[in-house]
Amino acid sequence: KFLGSLPQDELAVLNGLCDICVFAGNNEGLPN
């Protein structure tokens, strides 16, 4: 599901509701 851009408050809720964070970025300083 492509959710598009979300406000910070909605993103915070989404983080708290999901089960696992997956990440593949390779051009970062420290991934927020």
Full PDB file with SEQRES, HELIX, SHEET, SSBOND, CRYST1, ORIGX, SCALE, CONECT and MASTER records, all heavy atoms in Angstrom:
SEQRES   1 A   32  LYS PHE LEU GLY SER LEU PRO GLN ASP GLU LEU ALA VAL          
SEQRES   2 A   32  LEU ASN GLY LEU CYS ASP ILE CYS VAL PHE ALA GLY ASN          
SEQRES   3 A   32  ASN GLU GLY LEU PRO ASN                                      
HELIX    1 AA1 GLN A    8  LEU A   17  1                                  10    
CRYST1    1.000    1.000    1.000  90.00  90.00  90.00 P 1           1          
ORIGX1      1.000000  0.000000  0.000000        0.00000                         
ORIGX2      0.000000  1.000000  0.000000        0.00000                         
ORIGX3      0.000000  0.000000  1.000000        0.00000                         
SCALE1      1.000000  0.000000  0.000000        0.00000                         
SCALE2      0.000000  1.000000  0.000000        0.00000                         
SCALE3      0.000000  0.000000  1.000000        0.00000                         
ATOM      1  N   LYS A   1       0.852  -1.190   0.000  1.00  0.00           N  
ATOM      2  CA  LYS A   1       0.000   0.000   0.000  1.00  0.00           C  
ATOM      3  C   LYS A   1       0.888   1.241   0.000  1.00  0.00           C  
ATOM      4  O   LYS A   1       1.731   1.409   0.879  1.00  0.00           O  
ATOM      5  CB  LYS A   1      -0.928  -0.005   1.212  1.00  0.00           C  
ATOM      6  CG  LYS A   1      -1.965  -1.126   1.171  1.00  0.00           C  
ATOM      7  CD  LYS A   1      -2.940  -1.019   2.323  1.00  0.00           C  
ATOM      8  CE  LYS A   1      -4.002  -2.113   2.254  1.00  0.00           C  
ATOM      9  NZ  LYS A   1      -4.909  -1.943   1.099  1.00  0.00           N  
ATOM     10  N   PHE A   2       0.681   2.093  -1.013  1.00  0.00           N  
ATOM     11  CA  PHE A   2       1.393   3.361  -1.104  1.00  0.00           C  
ATOM     12  C   PHE A   2       0.561   4.430  -0.397  1.00  0.00           C  
ATOM     13  O   PHE A   2      -0.539   4.761  -0.832  1.00  0.00           O  
ATOM     14  CB  PHE A   2       1.605   3.736  -2.573  1.00  0.00           C  
ATOM     15  CG  PHE A   2       2.516   2.802  -3.310  1.00  0.00           C  
ATOM     16  CD1 PHE A   2       2.001   1.727  -4.026  1.00  0.00           C  
ATOM     17  CD2 PHE A   2       3.892   2.995  -3.284  1.00  0.00           C  
ATOM     18  CE1 PHE A   2       2.828   0.858  -4.717  1.00  0.00           C  
ATOM     19  CE2 PHE A   2       4.736   2.128  -3.973  1.00  0.00           C  
ATOM     20  CZ  PHE A   2       4.212   1.065  -4.696  1.00  0.00           C  
ATOM     21  N   LEU A   3       1.096   4.952   0.704  1.00  0.00           N  
ATOM     22  CA  LEU A   3       0.341   5.896   1.535  1.00  0.00           C  
ATOM     23  C   LEU A   3       0.616   7.350   1.192  1.00  0.00           C  
ATOM     24  O   LEU A   3      -0.088   8.241   1.659  1.00  0.00           O  
ATOM     25  CB  LEU A   3       0.654   5.649   3.011  1.00  0.00           C  
ATOM     26  CG  LEU A   3       0.398   4.226   3.525  1.00  0.00           C  
ATOM     27  CD1 LEU A   3       0.729   4.137   5.009  1.00  0.00           C  
ATOM     28  CD2 LEU A   3      -1.027   3.788   3.257  1.00  0.00           C  
ATOM     29  N   GLY A   4       1.646   7.606   0.404  1.00  0.00           N  
ATOM     30  CA  GLY A   4       1.980   8.975   0.061  1.00  0.00           C  
ATOM     31  C   GLY A   4       2.616   9.719   1.223  1.00  0.00           C  
ATOM     32  O   GLY A   4       2.976   9.141   2.248  1.00  0.00           O  
ATOM     33  N   SER A   5       2.728  11.031   1.068  1.00  0.00           N  
ATOM     34  CA  SER A   5       3.330  11.867   2.109  1.00  0.00           C  
ATOM     35  C   SER A   5       2.360  12.040   3.269  1.00  0.00           C  
ATOM     36  O   SER A   5       1.183  12.333   3.063  1.00  0.00           O  
ATOM     37  CB  SER A   5       3.697  13.230   1.523  1.00  0.00           C  
ATOM     38  OG  SER A   5       4.289  14.049   2.506  1.00  0.00           O  
ATOM     39  N   LEU A   6       2.853  11.872   4.479  1.00  0.00           N  
ATOM     40  CA  LEU A   6       2.021  11.986   5.673  1.00  0.00           C  
ATOM     41  C   LEU A   6       2.563  13.062   6.603  1.00  0.00           C  
ATOM     42  O   LEU A   6       3.785  13.222   6.720  1.00  0.00           O  
ATOM     43  CB  LEU A   6       1.989  10.646   6.437  1.00  0.00           C  
ATOM     44  CG  LEU A   6       1.413   9.444   5.700  1.00  0.00           C  
ATOM     45  CD1 LEU A   6       1.553   8.194   6.567  1.00  0.00           C  
ATOM     46  CD2 LEU A   6      -0.039   9.665   5.342  1.00  0.00           C  
ATOM     47  N   PRO A   7       1.693  13.814   7.288  1.00  0.00           N  
ATOM     48  CA  PRO A   7       2.152  14.748   8.319  1.00  0.00           C  
ATOM     49  C   PRO A   7       2.868  13.999   9.430  1.00  0.00           C  
ATOM     50  O   PRO A   7       2.657  12.787   9.627  1.00  0.00           O  
ATOM     51  CB  PRO A   7       0.846  15.377   8.828  1.00  0.00           C  
ATOM     52  CG  PRO A   7      -0.167  15.113   7.770  1.00  0.00           C  
ATOM     53  CD  PRO A   7       0.228  13.822   7.125  1.00  0.00           C  
ATOM     54  N   GLN A   8       3.728  14.717  10.142  1.00  0.00           N  
ATOM     55  CA  GLN A   8       4.523  14.089  11.198  1.00  0.00           C  
ATOM     56  C   GLN A   8       3.656  13.393  12.244  1.00  0.00           C  
ATOM     57  O   GLN A   8       3.989  12.304  12.712  1.00  0.00           O  
ATOM     58  CB  GLN A   8       5.411  15.133  11.871  1.00  0.00           C  
ATOM     59  CG  GLN A   8       6.685  15.443  11.107  1.00  0.00           C  
ATOM     60  CD  GLN A   8       7.713  14.329  11.209  1.00  0.00           C  
ATOM     61  OE1 GLN A   8       8.188  13.998  12.291  1.00  0.00           O  
ATOM     62  NE2 GLN A   8       8.072  13.751  10.079  1.00  0.00           N  
ATOM     63  N   ASP A   9       2.536  13.992  12.610  1.00  0.00           N  
ATOM     64  CA  ASP A   9       1.690  13.373  13.626  1.00  0.00           C  
ATOM     65  C   ASP A   9       1.117  12.045  13.139  1.00  0.00           C  
ATOM     66  O   ASP A   9       1.063  11.063  13.885  1.00  0.00           O  
ATOM     67  CB  ASP A   9       0.565  14.322  14.036  1.00  0.00           C  
ATOM     68  CG  ASP A   9       1.067  15.472  14.901  1.00  0.00           C  
ATOM     69  OD1 ASP A   9       2.170  15.344  15.457  1.00  0.00           O  
ATOM     70  OD2 ASP A   9       0.356  16.494  15.006  1.00  0.00           O  
ATOM     71  N   GLU A  10       0.675  11.991  11.882  1.00  0.00           N  
ATOM     72  CA  GLU A  10       0.156  10.741  11.330  1.00  0.00           C  
ATOM     73  C   GLU A  10       1.257   9.702  11.204  1.00  0.00           C  
ATOM     74  O   GLU A  10       1.043   8.503  11.438  1.00  0.00           O  
ATOM     75  CB  GLU A  10      -0.492  10.987   9.968  1.00  0.00           C  
ATOM     76  CG  GLU A  10      -1.802  11.746  10.034  1.00  0.00           C  
ATOM     77  CD  GLU A  10      -2.475  11.829   8.673  1.00  0.00           C  
ATOM     78  OE1 GLU A  10      -2.263  10.904   7.854  1.00  0.00           O  
ATOM     79  OE2 GLU A  10      -3.201  12.810   8.429  1.00  0.00           O  
ATOM     80  N   LEU A  11       2.442  10.140  10.838  1.00  0.00           N  
ATOM     81  CA  LEU A  11       3.561   9.227  10.718  1.00  0.00           C  
ATOM     82  C   LEU A  11       3.937   8.647  12.073  1.00  0.00           C  
ATOM     83  O   LEU A  11       4.284   7.463  12.185  1.00  0.00           O  
ATOM     84  CB  LEU A  11       4.760   9.964  10.111  1.00  0.00           C  
ATOM     85  CG  LEU A  11       5.924   9.119   9.636  1.00  0.00           C  
ATOM     86  CD1 LEU A  11       5.489   8.092   8.609  1.00  0.00           C  
ATOM     87  CD2 LEU A  11       7.027  10.010   9.079  1.00  0.00           C  
ATOM     88  N   ALA A  12       3.851   9.466  13.110  1.00  0.00           N  
ATOM     89  CA  ALA A  12       4.147   8.985  14.460  1.00  0.00           C  
ATOM     90  C   ALA A  12       3.163   7.891  14.871  1.00  0.00           C  
ATOM     91  O   ALA A  12       3.549   6.870  15.439  1.00  0.00           O  
ATOM     92  CB  ALA A  12       4.099  10.143  15.449  1.00  0.00           C  
ATOM     93  N   VAL A  13       1.885   8.100  14.577  1.00  0.00           N  
ATOM     94  CA  VAL A  13       0.873   7.089  14.892  1.00  0.00           C  
ATOM     95  C   VAL A  13       1.139   5.811  14.112  1.00  0.00           C  
ATOM     96  O   VAL A  13       1.077   4.695  14.655  1.00  0.00           O  
ATOM     97  CB  VAL A  13      -0.535   7.623  14.579  1.00  0.00           C  
ATOM     98  CG1 VAL A  13      -1.578   6.521  14.720  1.00  0.00           C  
ATOM     99  CG2 VAL A  13      -0.870   8.795  15.501  1.00  0.00           C  
ATOM    100  N   LEU A  14       1.465   5.948  12.836  1.00  0.00           N  
ATOM    101  CA  LEU A  14       1.711   4.783  11.990  1.00  0.00           C  
ATOM    102  C   LEU A  14       2.893   3.971  12.502  1.00  0.00           C  
ATOM    103  O   LEU A  14       2.848   2.732  12.525  1.00  0.00           O  
ATOM    104  CB  LEU A  14       1.962   5.238  10.555  1.00  0.00           C  
ATOM    105  CG  LEU A  14       1.991   4.148   9.479  1.00  0.00           C  
ATOM    106  CD1 LEU A  14       0.645   3.444   9.399  1.00  0.00           C  
ATOM    107  CD2 LEU A  14       2.353   4.751   8.128  1.00  0.00           C  
ATOM    108  N   ASN A  15       3.945   4.641  12.919  1.00  0.00           N  
ATOM    109  CA  ASN A  15       5.085   3.936  13.498  1.00  0.00           C  
ATOM    110  C   ASN A  15       4.682   3.117  14.711  1.00  0.00           C  
ATOM    111  O   ASN A  15       5.138   1.987  14.902  1.00  0.00           O  
ATOM    112  CB  ASN A  15       6.183   4.934  13.888  1.00  0.00           C  
ATOM    113  CG  ASN A  15       7.197   5.165  12.794  1.00  0.00           C  
ATOM    114  OD1 ASN A  15       8.160   4.415  12.651  1.00  0.00           O  
ATOM    115  ND2 ASN A  15       6.978   6.211  12.014  1.00  0.00           N  
ATOM    116  N   GLY A  16       3.836   3.710  15.539  1.00  0.00           N  
ATOM    117  CA  GLY A  16       3.418   3.016  16.750  1.00  0.00           C  
ATOM    118  C   GLY A  16       2.492   1.849  16.503  1.00  0.00           C  
ATOM    119  O   GLY A  16       2.327   0.995  17.380  1.00  0.00           O  
ATOM    120  N   LEU A  17       1.869   1.776  15.325  1.00  0.00           N  
ATOM    121  CA  LEU A  17       0.886   0.732  15.037  1.00  0.00           C  
ATOM    122  C   LEU A  17       1.441  -0.430  14.217  1.00  0.00           C  
ATOM    123  O   LEU A  17       0.880  -1.527  14.248  1.00  0.00           O  
ATOM    124  CB  LEU A  17      -0.308   1.336  14.296  1.00  0.00           C  
ATOM    125  CG  LEU A  17      -1.136   2.345  15.087  1.00  0.00           C  
ATOM    126  CD1 LEU A  17      -2.213   2.965  14.199  1.00  0.00           C  
ATOM    127  CD2 LEU A  17      -1.786   1.683  16.298  1.00  0.00           C  
ATOM    128  N   CYS A  18       2.512  -0.201  13.484  1.00  0.00           N  
ATOM    129  CA  CYS A  18       3.073  -1.274  12.656  1.00  0.00           C  
ATOM    130  C   CYS A  18       3.902  -2.240  13.499  1.00  0.00           C  
ATOM    131  O   CYS A  18       4.180  -1.993  14.669  1.00  0.00           O  
ATOM    132  CB  CYS A  18       3.893  -0.672  11.525  1.00  0.00           C  
ATOM    133  SG  CYS A  18       2.866   0.111  10.264  1.00  0.00           S  
ATOM    134  N   ASP A  19       4.307  -3.345  12.878  1.00  0.00           N  
ATOM    135  CA  ASP A  19       5.002  -4.407  13.614  1.00  0.00           C  
ATOM    136  C   ASP A  19       6.510  -4.382  13.421  1.00  0.00           C  
ATOM    137  O   ASP A  19       7.254  -4.651  14.364  1.00  0.00           O  
ATOM    138  CB  ASP A  19       4.462  -5.776  13.176  1.00  0.00           C  
ATOM    139  CG  ASP A  19       2.995  -5.940  13.486  1.00  0.00           C  
ATOM    140  OD1 ASP A  19       2.675  -6.045  14.684  1.00  0.00           O  
ATOM    141  OD2 ASP A  19       2.175  -5.954  12.555  1.00  0.00           O  
ATOM    142  N   ILE A  20       6.972  -4.081  12.210  1.00  0.00           N  
ATOM    143  CA  ILE A  20       8.396  -4.150  11.897  1.00  0.00           C  
ATOM    144  C   ILE A  20       8.752  -2.992  10.980  1.00  0.00           C  
ATOM    145  O   ILE A  20       8.031  -2.703  10.018  1.00  0.00           O  
ATOM    146  CB  ILE A  20       8.759  -5.485  11.205  1.00  0.00           C  
ATOM    147  CG1 ILE A  20       8.381  -6.686  12.071  1.00  0.00           C  
ATOM    148  CG2 ILE A  20      10.244  -5.541  10.856  1.00  0.00           C  
ATOM    149  CD1 ILE A  20       8.480  -8.021  11.342  1.00  0.00           C  
ATOM    150  N   CYS A  21       9.865  -2.341  11.259  1.00  0.00           N  
ATOM    151  CA  CYS A  21      10.395  -1.302  10.377  1.00  0.00           C  
ATOM    152  C   CYS A  21      11.397  -1.947   9.424  1.00  0.00           C  
ATOM    153  O   CYS A  21      12.316  -2.653   9.864  1.00  0.00           O  
ATOM    154  CB  CYS A  21      11.067  -0.206  11.195  1.00  0.00           C  
ATOM    155  SG  CYS A  21      12.022   0.980  10.206  1.00  0.00           S  
ATOM    156  N   VAL A  22      11.226  -1.714   8.114  1.00  0.00           N  
ATOM    157  CA  VAL A  22      12.175  -2.213   7.122  1.00  0.00           C  
ATOM    158  C   VAL A  22      12.805  -1.008   6.429  1.00  0.00           C  
ATOM    159  O   VAL A  22      12.134  -0.018   6.145  1.00  0.00           O  
ATOM    160  CB  VAL A  22      11.492  -3.154   6.104  1.00  0.00           C  
ATOM    161  CG1 VAL A  22      11.088  -4.457   6.769  1.00  0.00           C  
ATOM    162  CG2 VAL A  22      10.273  -2.504   5.457  1.00  0.00           C  
ATOM    163  N   PHE A  23      14.107  -1.116   6.141  1.00  0.00           N  
ATOM    164  CA  PHE A  23      14.842   0.051   5.647  1.00  0.00           C  
ATOM    165  C   PHE A  23      15.920  -0.392   4.679  1.00  0.00           C  
ATOM    166  O   PHE A  23      16.632  -1.373   4.925  1.00  0.00           O  
ATOM    167  CB  PHE A  23      15.481   0.794   6.824  1.00  0.00           C  
ATOM    168  CG  PHE A  23      16.218   2.044   6.429  1.00  0.00           C  
ATOM    169  CD1 PHE A  23      15.528   3.209   6.140  1.00  0.00           C  
ATOM    170  CD2 PHE A  23      17.600   2.053   6.366  1.00  0.00           C  
ATOM    171  CE1 PHE A  23      16.204   4.367   5.780  1.00  0.00           C  
ATOM    172  CE2 PHE A  23      18.280   3.205   6.010  1.00  0.00           C  
ATOM    173  CZ  PHE A  23      17.585   4.367   5.718  1.00  0.00           C  
ATOM    174  N   ALA A  24      16.053   0.350   3.560  1.00  0.00           N  
ATOM    175  CA  ALA A  24      17.040  -0.021   2.541  1.00  0.00           C  
ATOM    176  C   ALA A  24      17.856   1.164   2.050  1.00  0.00           C  
ATOM    177  O   ALA A  24      18.600   1.031   1.083  1.00  0.00           O  
ATOM    178  CB  ALA A  24      16.333  -0.681   1.352  1.00  0.00           C  
ATOM    179  N   GLY A  25      17.756   2.325   2.700  1.00  0.00           N  
ATOM    180  CA  GLY A  25      18.503   3.499   2.246  1.00  0.00           C  
ATOM    181  C   GLY A  25      20.000   3.296   2.368  1.00  0.00           C  
ATOM    182  O   GLY A  25      20.479   2.645   3.302  1.00  0.00           O  
ATOM    183  N   ASN A  26      20.756   3.862   1.425  1.00  0.00           N  
ATOM    184  CA  ASN A  26      22.213   3.750   1.488  1.00  0.00           C  
ATOM    185  C   ASN A  26      22.917   5.080   1.242  1.00  0.00           C  
ATOM    186  O   ASN A  26      24.095   5.104   0.912  1.00  0.00           O  
ATOM    187  CB  ASN A  26      22.715   2.703   0.480  1.00  0.00           C  
ATOM    188  CG  ASN A  26      22.560   3.160  -0.966  1.00  0.00           C  
ATOM    189  OD1 ASN A  26      21.707   4.004  -1.266  1.00  0.00           O  
ATOM    190  ND2 ASN A  26      23.360   2.607  -1.852  1.00  0.00           N  
ATOM    191  N   ASN A  27      22.200   6.176   1.432  1.00  0.00           N  
ATOM    192  CA  ASN A  27      22.801   7.500   1.260  1.00  0.00           C  
ATOM    193  C   ASN A  27      22.344   8.382   2.415  1.00  0.00           C  
ATOM    194  O   ASN A  27      21.624   9.351   2.237  1.00  0.00           O  
ATOM    195  CB  ASN A  27      22.399   8.093  -0.091  1.00  0.00           C  
ATOM    196  CG  ASN A  27      23.107   9.398  -0.386  1.00  0.00           C  
ATOM    197  OD1 ASN A  27      24.144   9.695   0.204  1.00  0.00           O  
ATOM    198  ND2 ASN A  27      22.551  10.195  -1.290  1.00  0.00           N  
ATOM    199  N   GLU A  28      22.763   8.010   3.610  1.00  0.00           N  
ATOM    200  CA  GLU A  28      22.256   8.637   4.821  1.00  0.00           C  
ATOM    201  C   GLU A  28      23.420   9.065   5.710  1.00  0.00           C  
ATOM    202  O   GLU A  28      24.522   8.526   5.629  1.00  0.00           O  
ATOM    203  CB  GLU A  28      21.391   7.643   5.615  1.00  0.00           C  
ATOM    204  CG  GLU A  28      20.316   6.955   4.798  1.00  0.00           C  
ATOM    205  CD  GLU A  28      19.093   7.817   4.556  1.00  0.00           C  
ATOM    206  OE1 GLU A  28      18.925   8.794   5.304  1.00  0.00           O  
ATOM    207  OE2 GLU A  28      18.327   7.514   3.633  1.00  0.00           O  
ATOM    208  N   GLY A  29      23.145  10.030   6.573  1.00  0.00           N  
ATOM    209  CA  GLY A  29      24.079  10.351   7.638  1.00  0.00           C  
ATOM    210  C   GLY A  29      23.733   9.527   8.865  1.00  0.00           C  
ATOM    211  O   GLY A  29      24.509   8.719   9.357  1.00  0.00           O  
ATOM    212  N   LEU A  30      22.515   9.719   9.353  1.00  0.00           N  
ATOM    213  CA  LEU A  30      21.944   8.924  10.437  1.00  0.00           C  
ATOM    214  C   LEU A  30      20.444   8.886  10.171  1.00  0.00           C  
ATOM    215  O   LEU A  30      19.772   9.898  10.330  1.00  0.00           O  
ATOM    216  CB  LEU A  30      22.241   9.540  11.810  1.00  0.00           C  
ATOM    217  CG  LEU A  30      21.941   8.647  13.013  1.00  0.00           C  
ATOM    218  CD1 LEU A  30      23.040   7.595  13.194  1.00  0.00           C  
ATOM    219  CD2 LEU A  30      21.809   9.474  14.282  1.00  0.00           C  
ATOM    220  N   PRO A  31      19.903   7.748   9.744  1.00  0.00           N  
ATOM    221  CA  PRO A  31      18.507   7.719   9.269  1.00  0.00           C  
ATOM    222  C   PRO A  31      17.505   8.080  10.354  1.00  0.00           C  
ATOM    223  O   PRO A  31      17.346   7.358  11.350  1.00  0.00           O  
ATOM    224  CB  PRO A  31      18.331   6.261   8.808  1.00  0.00           C  
ATOM    225  CG  PRO A  31      19.714   5.763   8.551  1.00  0.00           C  
ATOM    226  CD  PRO A  31      20.584   6.452   9.561  1.00  0.00           C  
ATOM    227  N   ASN A  32      16.799   9.188  10.169  1.00  0.00           N  
ATOM    228  CA  ASN A  32      15.790   9.609  11.139  1.00  0.00           C  
ATOM    229  C   ASN A  32      14.682   8.585  11.293  1.00  0.00           C  
ATOM    230  O   ASN A  32      14.135   8.400  12.388  1.00  0.00           O  
ATOM    231  CB  ASN A  32      15.182  10.950  10.717  1.00  0.00           C  
ATOM    232  CG  ASN A  32      16.157  12.100  10.836  1.00  0.00           C  
ATOM    233  OD1 ASN A  32      17.087  12.060  11.627  1.00  0.00           O  
ATOM    234  ND2 ASN A  32      15.946  13.130  10.036  1.00  0.00           N  
TER     235      ASN A  32                                                      
MASTER        0    0    0    1    0    0    0    6  234    1    0    3          
END                                                                             
